[in-house]
Structures are given as structure tokens and as C-alpha cells.
Amino acid sequence: MPKSRELRKVVTILSKYGIKFTYSKRGRHSGKFYCGKASFPVKTHGKKTELLPYALKGLIKKFNLPQDVFNT
């Protein structure tokens, strides 16, 4: 199970896989990871927001990433 990570580190890791991040100032889920038609919304409160393990597991499943992508 991946440990929680800061949003800015997750964005850096996922950019290597072609997954982009957008941020808006409105709504409950103000950030969104996307690649093609697949997207994954996350709650953000700045770049130091911690993404919890359940969200990281959701990203792995949604974008078919390797299981150890966040274990570095």
C-alpha cells in the first residue's frame, strides 16, 4: 500500500507517464489528473496537500500504473 504523498510530488511522478494535472479555484474537487478521456478528481488546498493512500491506489487503478510507482 502506498504511503501518503504531497500533491506536487505526485504530479512530478505522474508526468513521467503522460498524466497531466489541472487546477481550478471552484468546486469541491478542485484538482484533476487526466490522460486522454480518463480523469481522476482530487481535493486540493495548494501544492502541499497530502494525497492519502486510498487516492493513490485509485490513481494506480484508473491509469493502469505499476503497483510500485509511489514507493520511491
Protein backbone atom coordinates (compact mmCIF):
# COMPACT_ATOMS: atom_id res chain seq x y z
CA MET A 1 0.00 0.00 0.00
CA PRO A 2 1.48 3.40 -0.94
CA LYS A 3 2.08 5.97 1.78
CA SER A 4 0.56 9.44 1.57
CA ARG A 5 2.42 11.90 -0.67
CA GLU A 6 2.37 15.63 -1.30
CA LEU A 7 0.43 16.68 -4.38
CA ARG A 8 3.44 18.34 -6.02
CA LYS A 9 5.46 15.11 -5.76
CA VAL A 10 2.60 13.06 -7.20
CA VAL A 11 2.29 15.50 -10.12
CA THR A 12 6.02 15.10 -10.83
CA ILE A 13 5.86 11.30 -10.69
CA LEU A 14 2.78 11.04 -12.91
CA SER A 15 4.09 13.48 -15.51
CA LYS A 16 6.61 10.79 -16.48
CA TYR A 17 3.64 8.62 -17.51
CA GLY A 18 1.97 11.36 -19.56
CA ILE A 19 -0.67 12.13 -16.92
CA LYS A 20 -1.39 15.84 -16.55
CA PHE A 21 -2.84 17.84 -13.66
CA THR A 22 -5.24 20.77 -13.85
CA TYR A 23 -6.32 23.03 -11.03
CA SER A 24 -9.39 25.22 -10.76
CA LYS A 25 -10.50 27.51 -7.95
CA ARG A 26 -14.10 26.32 -7.91
CA GLY A 27 -15.87 23.22 -6.71
CA ARG A 28 -15.34 20.54 -4.14
CA HIS A 29 -12.77 18.61 -6.19
CA SER A 30 -10.67 21.46 -7.46
CA GLY A 31 -7.88 19.37 -8.99
CA LYS A 32 -7.99 16.76 -11.70
CA PHE A 33 -5.50 14.29 -13.11
CA TYR A 34 -6.20 13.33 -16.71
CA CYS A 35 -4.80 11.38 -19.62
CA GLY A 36 -6.90 11.16 -22.74
CA LYS A 37 -10.53 10.57 -21.73
CA ALA A 38 -9.70 9.13 -18.30
CA SER A 39 -9.72 11.57 -15.39
CA PHE A 40 -9.42 11.38 -11.60
CA PRO A 41 -10.63 14.28 -9.40
CA VAL A 42 -8.86 15.13 -6.13
CA LYS A 43 -9.47 17.66 -3.38
CA THR A 44 -6.68 20.23 -3.30
CA HIS A 45 -5.72 23.04 -0.97
CA GLY A 46 -2.46 24.07 -2.58
CA LYS A 47 0.50 22.04 -3.80
CA LYS A 48 1.39 20.78 -0.29
CA THR A 49 -1.91 18.92 0.07
CA GLU A 50 -1.33 15.32 1.15
CA LEU A 51 -2.91 12.69 -1.07
CA LEU A 52 -3.92 9.77 1.12
CA PRO A 53 -3.27 6.10 0.25
CA TYR A 54 -6.82 5.48 -0.99
CA ALA A 55 -6.43 8.27 -3.57
CA LEU A 56 -3.04 6.98 -4.70
CA LYS A 57 -4.48 3.47 -5.09
CA GLY A 58 -7.33 4.98 -7.12
CA LEU A 59 -4.83 6.70 -9.43
CA ILE A 60 -2.94 3.42 -9.91
CA LYS A 61 -6.13 1.58 -10.80
CA LYS A 62 -7.62 4.31 -13.02
CA PHE A 63 -4.50 4.83 -15.15
CA ASN A 64 -3.17 1.23 -15.05
CA LEU A 65 0.10 2.25 -13.40
CA PRO A 66 2.67 -0.13 -11.88
CA GLN A 67 1.89 -1.01 -8.24
CA ASP A 68 5.22 0.40 -7.00
CA VAL A 69 5.01 3.77 -8.77
CA PHE A 70 4.72 5.71 -5.48
CA ASN A 71 7.13 3.58 -3.42
CA THR A 72 10.21 5.62 -4.33
